[in-house]
Amino acid sequence: MMILGWVLIIALFAVGLVGAVYPILPGALAIYLAFFVYGWFFSFHSFGAVFWIIQTLIVVALFVSDYVVGAWGIKKFGGSRASVIGSTIGLIFGPFVIPAFGLILGPFIGAFVGELIAGSNPGKAAKVSVGSLLGLFSSTVVKIVLQVVMVVLFFIWIGRY
């Protein structure tokens, strides 16, 4: 059972970290679930209230920052709410519509179309689309860092007991 427990935990960590780059996967939630798997297979004794508070705050920060940092890139380049929505839609559907490049082209095209719908000219829409990519890449870096922090804190916490 110990081997199965660790296989599940490591698999959830892997899904979580891949989810930082591939937004269809439930990144932070997979890592958070790994903590429960550890508790169910081994013991919740290693975790205390401080551990759960810190990890929960990181998960909340991940969800908030994912949207805020992405929207920041668009707003920084003069984008509208329509381009933020378009970029988000592109991020969700892009990988399915354009399998090889949809993760990058989806938000770019979504922001471009959203900005055109908002009434901007193609030049401004292109500029905003570049901002959406900047926001996407910045958001990805933030997610990777925070998710690695979650995993490292887990190992620090269980190593204490």
N, C-alpha and C. Protein backbone atom coordinates (compact mmCIF):
# COMPACT_ATOMS: atom_id res chain seq x y z
N MET A 1 0.82 -1.20 0.00
CA MET A 1 0.00 0.00 0.00
C MET A 1 0.86 1.27 0.00
N MET A 2 2.03 1.18 0.64
CA MET A 2 2.89 2.36 0.68
C MET A 2 3.32 2.76 -0.73
N ILE A 3 3.65 1.76 -1.54
CA ILE A 3 4.09 2.06 -2.91
C ILE A 3 2.95 2.70 -3.70
N LEU A 4 1.75 2.16 -3.58
CA LEU A 4 0.60 2.74 -4.27
C LEU A 4 0.36 4.18 -3.83
N GLY A 5 0.47 4.42 -2.53
CA GLY A 5 0.29 5.77 -2.01
C GLY A 5 1.29 6.74 -2.61
N TRP A 6 2.56 6.36 -2.63
CA TRP A 6 3.58 7.26 -3.18
C TRP A 6 3.43 7.43 -4.70
N VAL A 7 3.02 6.37 -5.39
CA VAL A 7 2.80 6.48 -6.84
C VAL A 7 1.68 7.49 -7.10
N LEU A 8 0.60 7.41 -6.35
CA LEU A 8 -0.50 8.37 -6.52
C LEU A 8 -0.06 9.80 -6.20
N ILE A 9 0.68 9.95 -5.11
CA ILE A 9 1.14 11.28 -4.71
C ILE A 9 2.04 11.89 -5.78
N ILE A 10 3.02 11.12 -6.24
CA ILE A 10 3.95 11.62 -7.26
C ILE A 10 3.19 11.90 -8.57
N ALA A 11 2.24 11.03 -8.92
CA ALA A 11 1.45 11.26 -10.14
C ALA A 11 0.64 12.55 -10.02
N LEU A 12 0.05 12.80 -8.87
CA LEU A 12 -0.70 14.03 -8.68
C LEU A 12 0.21 15.26 -8.72
N PHE A 13 1.40 15.15 -8.14
CA PHE A 13 2.36 16.25 -8.24
C PHE A 13 2.72 16.51 -9.70
N ALA A 14 2.94 15.43 -10.47
CA ALA A 14 3.30 15.59 -11.88
C ALA A 14 2.16 16.24 -12.66
N VAL A 15 0.93 15.77 -12.44
CA VAL A 15 -0.23 16.38 -13.09
C VAL A 15 -0.32 17.86 -12.70
N GLY A 16 -0.08 18.14 -11.44
CA GLY A 16 -0.14 19.52 -10.97
C GLY A 16 0.87 20.41 -11.66
N LEU A 17 2.09 19.95 -11.77
CA LEU A 17 3.13 20.78 -12.38
C LEU A 17 2.92 20.91 -13.89
N VAL A 18 2.45 19.85 -14.53
CA VAL A 18 2.14 19.95 -15.95
C VAL A 18 0.95 20.90 -16.14
N GLY A 19 0.03 20.87 -15.19
CA GLY A 19 -1.13 21.76 -15.25
C GLY A 19 -0.77 23.23 -15.16
N ALA A 20 0.41 23.54 -14.64
CA ALA A 20 0.86 24.93 -14.60
C ALA A 20 1.10 25.45 -16.02
N VAL A 21 1.48 24.54 -16.91
CA VAL A 21 1.77 24.92 -18.29
C VAL A 21 0.57 24.64 -19.19
N TYR A 22 -0.12 23.55 -18.92
CA TYR A 22 -1.26 23.13 -19.75
C TYR A 22 -2.53 23.34 -18.94
N PRO A 23 -3.22 24.47 -19.14
CA PRO A 23 -4.28 24.90 -18.24
C PRO A 23 -5.52 24.01 -18.18
N ILE A 24 -5.62 23.01 -19.03
CA ILE A 24 -6.78 22.13 -18.99
C ILE A 24 -6.68 21.21 -17.77
N LEU A 25 -5.46 20.92 -17.35
CA LEU A 25 -5.27 20.05 -16.18
C LEU A 25 -5.44 20.85 -14.89
N PRO A 26 -5.99 20.23 -13.87
CA PRO A 26 -6.23 20.95 -12.60
C PRO A 26 -4.98 21.04 -11.75
N GLY A 27 -4.04 21.87 -12.13
CA GLY A 27 -2.73 21.95 -11.51
C GLY A 27 -2.69 22.01 -10.00
N ALA A 28 -3.08 23.13 -9.45
CA ALA A 28 -2.99 23.33 -8.00
C ALA A 28 -3.89 22.36 -7.24
N LEU A 29 -5.04 22.06 -7.81
CA LEU A 29 -5.96 21.14 -7.13
C LEU A 29 -5.40 19.72 -7.08
N ALA A 30 -4.66 19.31 -8.12
CA ALA A 30 -4.04 17.99 -8.11
C ALA A 30 -2.98 17.91 -7.01
N ILE A 31 -2.20 18.96 -6.87
CA ILE A 31 -1.19 18.99 -5.81
C ILE A 31 -1.87 18.97 -4.44
N TYR A 32 -2.91 19.75 -4.29
CA TYR A 32 -3.66 19.81 -3.02
C TYR A 32 -4.25 18.44 -2.70
N LEU A 33 -4.77 17.76 -3.72
CA LEU A 33 -5.32 16.42 -3.52
C LEU A 33 -4.24 15.44 -3.08
N ALA A 34 -3.02 15.62 -3.55
CA ALA A 34 -1.92 14.75 -3.14
C ALA A 34 -1.70 14.78 -1.63
N PHE A 35 -1.95 15.91 -1.01
CA PHE A 35 -1.81 16.01 0.45
C PHE A 35 -2.83 15.11 1.14
N PHE A 36 -4.05 15.08 0.60
CA PHE A 36 -5.08 14.22 1.17
C PHE A 36 -4.74 12.74 0.94
N VAL A 37 -4.20 12.43 -0.23
CA VAL A 37 -3.79 11.05 -0.50
C VAL A 37 -2.73 10.63 0.50
N TYR A 38 -1.77 11.51 0.76
CA TYR A 38 -0.75 11.21 1.77
C TYR A 38 -1.42 10.94 3.13
N GLY A 39 -2.34 11.78 3.51
CA GLY A 39 -3.03 11.60 4.78
C GLY A 39 -3.79 10.29 4.84
N TRP A 40 -4.49 9.94 3.76
CA TRP A 40 -5.27 8.71 3.75
C TRP A 40 -4.39 7.47 3.76
N PHE A 41 -3.26 7.51 3.04
CA PHE A 41 -2.39 6.34 2.97
C PHE A 41 -1.42 6.25 4.15
N PHE A 42 -1.02 7.37 4.68
CA PHE A 42 0.01 7.36 5.72
C PHE A 42 -0.53 7.95 7.02
N SER A 43 -0.67 9.27 7.05
CA SER A 43 -1.19 9.90 8.26
C SER A 43 -1.36 11.39 8.03
N PHE A 44 -2.39 11.91 8.64
CA PHE A 44 -2.59 13.36 8.61
C PHE A 44 -1.81 14.02 9.76
N HIS A 45 -1.17 13.20 10.57
CA HIS A 45 -0.46 13.71 11.74
C HIS A 45 0.64 14.72 11.37
N SER A 46 1.27 14.53 10.21
CA SER A 46 2.35 15.44 9.79
C SER A 46 1.85 16.85 9.53
N PHE A 47 0.58 16.95 9.20
CA PHE A 47 0.02 18.25 8.85
C PHE A 47 -0.71 18.84 10.05
N GLY A 48 -0.55 20.12 10.20
CA GLY A 48 -1.30 20.82 11.23
C GLY A 48 -2.07 21.95 10.58
N ALA A 49 -2.68 22.75 11.39
CA ALA A 49 -3.48 23.87 10.88
C ALA A 49 -2.63 24.83 10.06
N VAL A 50 -1.40 25.07 10.49
CA VAL A 50 -0.53 26.02 9.78
C VAL A 50 -0.26 25.52 8.35
N PHE A 51 0.01 24.21 8.21
CA PHE A 51 0.24 23.63 6.89
C PHE A 51 -0.96 23.86 5.99
N TRP A 52 -2.16 23.53 6.48
CA TRP A 52 -3.37 23.65 5.67
C TRP A 52 -3.69 25.11 5.34
N ILE A 53 -3.45 26.00 6.26
CA ILE A 53 -3.69 27.42 6.00
C ILE A 53 -2.74 27.92 4.91
N ILE A 54 -1.47 27.60 5.04
CA ILE A 54 -0.48 28.05 4.05
C ILE A 54 -0.83 27.48 2.67
N GLN A 55 -1.08 26.18 2.61
CA GLN A 55 -1.36 25.55 1.31
C GLN A 55 -2.66 26.09 0.69
N THR A 56 -3.67 26.30 1.52
CA THR A 56 -4.93 26.83 1.01
C THR A 56 -4.74 28.26 0.49
N LEU A 57 -3.98 29.05 1.21
CA LEU A 57 -3.70 30.41 0.74
C LEU A 57 -2.94 30.41 -0.58
N ILE A 58 -2.02 29.46 -0.74
CA ILE A 58 -1.28 29.37 -2.00
C ILE A 58 -2.23 28.99 -3.14
N VAL A 59 -3.14 28.04 -2.89
CA VAL A 59 -4.11 27.64 -3.93
C VAL A 59 -4.99 28.82 -4.32
N VAL A 60 -5.47 29.55 -3.33
CA VAL A 60 -6.29 30.73 -3.62
C VAL A 60 -5.47 31.75 -4.41
N ALA A 61 -4.23 31.97 -3.99
CA ALA A 61 -3.36 32.91 -4.70
C ALA A 61 -3.13 32.46 -6.14
N LEU A 62 -3.02 31.17 -6.35
CA LEU A 62 -2.84 30.65 -7.71
C LEU A 62 -4.04 30.96 -8.59
N PHE A 63 -5.23 30.72 -8.07
CA PHE A 63 -6.42 30.99 -8.87
C PHE A 63 -6.58 32.48 -9.15
N VAL A 64 -6.35 33.30 -8.15
CA VAL A 64 -6.49 34.74 -8.33
C VAL A 64 -5.41 35.26 -9.28
N SER A 65 -4.17 34.85 -9.04
CA SER A 65 -3.07 35.36 -9.87
C SER A 65 -3.18 34.89 -11.31
N ASP A 66 -3.72 33.69 -11.51
CA ASP A 66 -3.86 33.18 -12.87
C ASP A 66 -4.71 34.14 -13.70
N TYR A 67 -5.80 34.59 -13.15
CA TYR A 67 -6.66 35.52 -13.87
C TYR A 67 -6.07 36.94 -13.88
N VAL A 68 -5.60 37.39 -12.72
CA VAL A 68 -5.13 38.77 -12.59
C VAL A 68 -3.89 39.02 -13.45
N VAL A 69 -2.93 38.10 -13.42
CA VAL A 69 -1.70 38.31 -14.20
C VAL A 69 -2.01 38.27 -15.69
N GLY A 70 -2.87 37.33 -16.11
CA GLY A 70 -3.26 37.28 -17.51
C GLY A 70 -3.96 38.55 -17.96
N ALA A 71 -4.90 39.00 -17.15
CA ALA A 71 -5.63 40.24 -17.46
C ALA A 71 -4.70 41.45 -17.43
N TRP A 72 -3.72 41.43 -16.54
CA TRP A 72 -2.76 42.53 -16.44
C TRP A 72 -2.03 42.72 -17.76
N GLY A 73 -1.59 41.61 -18.38
CA GLY A 73 -0.88 41.71 -19.66
C GLY A 73 -1.73 42.37 -20.72
N ILE A 74 -3.00 42.02 -20.73
CA ILE A 74 -3.91 42.59 -21.71
C ILE A 74 -4.16 44.07 -21.41
N LYS A 75 -4.46 44.37 -20.15
CA LYS A 75 -4.74 45.77 -19.76
C LYS A 75 -3.52 46.66 -19.97
N LYS A 76 -2.34 46.12 -19.69
CA LYS A 76 -1.09 46.89 -19.84
C LYS A 76 -0.90 47.35 -21.29
N PHE A 77 -1.42 46.56 -22.22
CA PHE A 77 -1.29 46.91 -23.63
C PHE A 77 -2.55 47.56 -24.17
N GLY A 78 -3.42 48.05 -23.28
CA GLY A 78 -4.59 48.81 -23.69
C GLY A 78 -5.82 48.00 -24.04
N GLY A 79 -5.87 46.74 -23.63
CA GLY A 79 -6.98 45.88 -23.97
C GLY A 79 -8.23 46.16 -23.16
N SER A 80 -9.34 45.68 -23.69
CA SER A 80 -10.64 45.86 -23.05
C SER A 80 -11.07 44.56 -22.35
N ARG A 81 -12.20 44.64 -21.69
CA ARG A 81 -12.77 43.45 -21.04
C ARG A 81 -13.06 42.36 -22.07
N ALA A 82 -13.47 42.78 -23.26
CA ALA A 82 -13.77 41.81 -24.33
C ALA A 82 -12.53 41.02 -24.73
N SER A 83 -11.37 41.67 -24.72
CA SER A 83 -10.14 40.96 -25.08
C SER A 83 -9.70 40.02 -23.96
N VAL A 84 -9.97 40.39 -22.71
CA VAL A 84 -9.67 39.49 -21.58
C VAL A 84 -10.54 38.24 -21.70
N ILE A 85 -11.82 38.42 -21.98
CA ILE A 85 -12.73 37.29 -22.13
C ILE A 85 -12.33 36.44 -23.34
N GLY A 86 -12.01 37.09 -24.44
CA GLY A 86 -11.58 36.37 -25.64
C GLY A 86 -10.32 35.57 -25.40
N SER A 87 -9.38 36.16 -24.69
CA SER A 87 -8.13 35.46 -24.38
C SER A 87 -8.40 34.24 -23.51
N THR A 88 -9.29 34.38 -22.54
CA THR A 88 -9.62 33.26 -21.65
C THR A 88 -10.29 32.15 -22.44
N ILE A 89 -11.21 32.50 -23.31
CA ILE A 89 -11.88 31.50 -24.15
C ILE A 89 -10.85 30.81 -25.05
N GLY A 90 -9.95 31.59 -25.61
CA GLY A 90 -8.90 31.03 -26.46
C GLY A 90 -7.97 30.10 -25.69
N LEU A 91 -7.70 30.44 -24.45
CA LEU A 91 -6.84 29.60 -23.61
C LEU A 91 -7.50 28.26 -23.33
N ILE A 92 -8.80 28.27 -23.14
CA ILE A 92 -9.52 27.03 -22.84
C ILE A 92 -9.68 26.17 -24.09
N PHE A 93 -10.10 26.76 -25.20
CA PHE A 93 -10.43 25.98 -26.39
C PHE A 93 -9.27 25.85 -27.39
N GLY A 94 -8.31 26.75 -27.32
CA GLY A 94 -7.20 26.73 -28.27
C GLY A 94 -6.48 25.40 -28.38
N PRO A 95 -6.11 24.77 -27.26
CA PRO A 95 -5.40 23.49 -27.35
C PRO A 95 -6.21 22.39 -28.04
N PHE A 96 -7.54 22.49 -28.01
CA PHE A 96 -8.36 21.48 -28.66
C PHE A 96 -8.55 21.77 -30.15
N VAL A 97 -8.67 23.04 -30.47
CA VAL A 97 -8.92 23.44 -31.86
C VAL A 97 -7.63 23.37 -32.69
N ILE A 98 -6.53 23.82 -32.10
CA ILE A 98 -5.22 23.81 -32.77
C ILE A 98 -4.26 23.03 -31.87
N PRO A 99 -4.28 21.68 -31.95
CA PRO A 99 -3.57 20.85 -30.97
C PRO A 99 -2.10 21.22 -30.73
N ALA A 100 -1.33 21.45 -31.74
CA ALA A 100 0.10 21.68 -31.53
C ALA A 100 0.41 23.07 -30.98
N PHE A 101 -0.33 24.07 -31.42
CA PHE A 101 0.01 25.45 -31.08
C PHE A 101 -1.11 26.22 -30.38
N GLY A 102 -2.20 25.53 -30.08
CA GLY A 102 -3.38 26.19 -29.52
C GLY A 102 -3.17 26.84 -28.18
N LEU A 103 -2.22 26.33 -27.41
CA LEU A 103 -1.96 26.91 -26.09
C LEU A 103 -1.45 28.34 -26.21
N ILE A 104 -0.74 28.63 -27.28
CA ILE A 104 -0.22 29.97 -27.50
C ILE A 104 -1.12 30.77 -28.44
N LEU A 105 -1.55 30.13 -29.53
CA LEU A 105 -2.37 30.83 -30.50
C LEU A 105 -3.79 31.11 -29.99
N GLY A 106 -4.32 30.23 -29.15
CA GLY A 106 -5.68 30.41 -28.64
C GLY A 106 -5.88 31.74 -27.93
N PRO A 107 -5.07 32.03 -26.89
CA PRO A 107 -5.23 33.32 -26.21
C PRO A 107 -4.92 34.51 -27.12
N PHE A 108 -3.95 34.34 -28.00
CA PHE A 108 -3.59 35.42 -28.93
C PHE A 108 -4.77 35.75 -29.83
N ILE A 109 -5.32 34.72 -30.47
CA ILE A 109 -6.46 34.92 -31.38
C ILE A 109 -7.68 35.39 -30.60
N GLY A 110 -7.91 34.80 -29.43
CA GLY A 110 -9.06 35.19 -28.62
C GLY A 110 -9.01 36.66 -28.22
N ALA A 111 -7.84 37.13 -27.80
CA ALA A 111 -7.70 38.54 -27.43
C ALA A 111 -7.87 39.43 -28.67
N PHE A 112 -7.33 38.99 -29.79
CA PHE A 112 -7.43 39.75 -31.03
C PHE A 112 -8.90 39.91 -31.43
N VAL A 113 -9.63 38.80 -31.46
CA VAL A 113 -11.05 38.84 -31.85
C VAL A 113 -11.85 39.65 -30.83
N GLY A 114 -11.58 39.44 -29.55
CA GLY A 114 -12.28 40.18 -28.51
C GLY A 114 -12.09 41.68 -28.66
N GLU A 115 -10.87 42.08 -28.97
CA GLU A 115 -10.58 43.51 -29.12
C GLU A 115 -11.24 44.06 -30.38
N LEU A 116 -11.29 43.28 -31.44
CA LEU A 116 -12.01 43.72 -32.64
C LEU A 116 -13.49 43.88 -32.37
N ILE A 117 -14.05 42.94 -31.60
CA ILE A 117 -15.48 43.04 -31.24
C ILE A 117 -15.73 44.29 -30.42
N ALA A 118 -14.76 44.66 -29.59
CA ALA A 118 -14.89 45.87 -28.76
C ALA A 118 -14.78 47.15 -29.60
N GLY A 119 -14.43 47.00 -30.88
CA GLY A 119 -14.40 48.17 -31.75
C GLY A 119 -13.02 48.73 -32.04
N SER A 120 -11.97 48.04 -31.62
CA SER A 120 -10.62 48.53 -31.89
C SER A 120 -10.20 48.21 -33.32
N ASN A 121 -9.18 48.93 -33.78
CA ASN A 121 -8.64 48.64 -35.12
C ASN A 121 -7.71 47.43 -35.03
N PRO A 122 -7.40 46.80 -36.16
CA PRO A 122 -6.54 45.60 -36.15
C PRO A 122 -5.15 45.84 -35.54
N GLY A 123 -4.60 47.02 -35.70
CA GLY A 123 -3.29 47.31 -35.11
C GLY A 123 -3.32 47.25 -33.60
N LYS A 124 -4.32 47.89 -33.01
CA LYS A 124 -4.45 47.86 -31.56
C LYS A 124 -4.77 46.44 -31.09
N ALA A 125 -5.61 45.74 -31.84
CA ALA A 125 -5.96 44.37 -31.47
C ALA A 125 -4.72 43.48 -31.46
N ALA A 126 -3.83 43.68 -32.41
CA ALA A 126 -2.58 42.90 -32.46
C ALA A 126 -1.70 43.21 -31.25
N LYS A 127 -1.62 44.50 -30.91
CA LYS A 127 -0.82 44.91 -29.75
C LYS A 127 -1.38 44.27 -28.47
N VAL A 128 -2.69 44.28 -28.32
CA VAL A 128 -3.33 43.69 -27.15
C VAL A 128 -3.08 42.19 -27.13
N SER A 129 -3.09 41.56 -28.28
CA SER A 129 -2.83 40.12 -28.37
C SER A 129 -1.43 39.77 -27.87
N VAL A 130 -0.47 40.62 -28.18
CA VAL A 130 0.89 40.42 -27.67
C VAL A 130 0.87 40.53 -26.14
N GLY A 131 0.10 41.47 -25.63
CA GLY A 131 -0.05 41.61 -24.18
C GLY A 131 -0.67 40.37 -23.56
N SER A 132 -1.59 39.73 -24.28
CA SER A 132 -2.19 38.50 -23.74
C SER A 132 -1.14 37.40 -23.62
N LEU A 133 -0.23 37.33 -24.57
CA LEU A 133 0.85 36.33 -24.49
C LEU A 133 1.81 36.65 -23.35
N LEU A 134 2.11 37.93 -23.18
CA LEU A 134 2.96 38.33 -22.05
C LEU A 134 2.29 37.93 -20.73
N GLY A 135 1.00 38.18 -20.62
CA GLY A 135 0.26 37.80 -19.43
C GLY A 135 0.24 36.28 -19.23
N LEU A 136 0.06 35.54 -20.32
CA LEU A 136 0.05 34.07 -20.25
C LEU A 136 1.39 33.55 -19.75
N PHE A 137 2.47 34.04 -20.33
CA PHE A 137 3.79 33.56 -19.92
C PHE A 137 4.11 33.97 -18.48
N SER A 138 3.75 35.18 -18.11
CA SER A 138 3.97 35.63 -16.72
C SER A 138 3.16 34.79 -15.75
N SER A 139 1.92 34.52 -16.10
CA SER A 139 1.04 33.72 -15.26
C SER A 139 1.59 32.30 -15.10
N THR A 140 2.13 31.76 -16.17
CA THR A 140 2.71 30.41 -16.13
C THR A 140 3.90 30.37 -15.18
N VAL A 141 4.74 31.37 -15.23
CA VAL A 141 5.89 31.43 -14.32
C VAL A 141 5.42 31.50 -12.87
N VAL A 142 4.44 32.34 -12.60
CA VAL A 142 3.90 32.46 -11.24
C VAL A 142 3.34 31.12 -10.78
N LYS A 143 2.58 30.44 -11.65
CA LYS A 143 1.99 29.15 -11.28
C LYS A 143 3.07 28.12 -10.99
N ILE A 144 4.09 28.05 -11.83
CA ILE A 144 5.16 27.07 -11.62
C ILE A 144 5.84 27.32 -10.28
N VAL A 145 6.18 28.56 -10.01
CA VAL A 145 6.87 28.90 -8.76
C VAL A 145 6.00 28.53 -7.55
N LEU A 146 4.75 28.94 -7.56
CA LEU A 146 3.88 28.66 -6.41
C LEU A 146 3.60 27.18 -6.24
N GLN A 147 3.46 26.45 -7.33
CA GLN A 147 3.21 25.02 -7.21
C GLN A 147 4.45 24.27 -6.74
N VAL A 148 5.62 24.70 -7.16
CA VAL A 148 6.85 24.10 -6.63
C VAL A 148 6.96 24.39 -5.14
N VAL A 149 6.60 25.59 -4.72
CA VAL A 149 6.60 25.93 -3.29
C VAL A 149 5.66 24.99 -2.53
N MET A 150 4.49 24.70 -3.09
CA MET A 150 3.55 23.79 -2.43
C MET A 150 4.18 22.41 -2.21
N VAL A 151 4.84 21.90 -3.25
CA VAL A 151 5.45 20.57 -3.16
C VAL A 151 6.61 20.58 -2.17
N VAL A 152 7.44 21.59 -2.24
CA VAL A 152 8.59 21.68 -1.32
C VAL A 152 8.11 21.78 0.13
N LEU A 153 7.09 22.59 0.38
CA LEU A 153 6.54 22.68 1.75
C LEU A 153 6.01 21.34 2.23
N PHE A 154 5.38 20.60 1.33
CA PHE A 154 4.89 19.26 1.68
C PHE A 154 6.04 18.39 2.18
N PHE A 155 7.13 18.34 1.40
CA PHE A 155 8.25 17.48 1.80
C PHE A 155 8.93 17.99 3.08
N ILE A 156 8.99 19.28 3.25
CA ILE A 156 9.54 19.83 4.49
C ILE A 156 8.67 19.41 5.67
N TRP A 157 7.35 19.52 5.49
CA TRP A 157 6.43 19.19 6.59
C TRP A 157 6.49 17.72 6.95
N ILE A 158 6.47 16.85 5.94
CA ILE A 158 6.47 15.42 6.29
C ILE A 158 7.84 14.97 6.77
N GLY A 159 8.90 15.70 6.38
CA GLY A 159 10.23 15.38 6.85
C GLY A 159 10.46 15.74 8.30
N ARG A 160 9.61 16.59 8.85
CA ARG A 160 9.73 17.00 10.25
C ARG A 160 9.25 15.92 11.20
N TYR A 161 8.49 14.95 10.68
CA TYR A 161 7.92 13.93 11.56
C TYR A 161 8.38 12.55 11.20
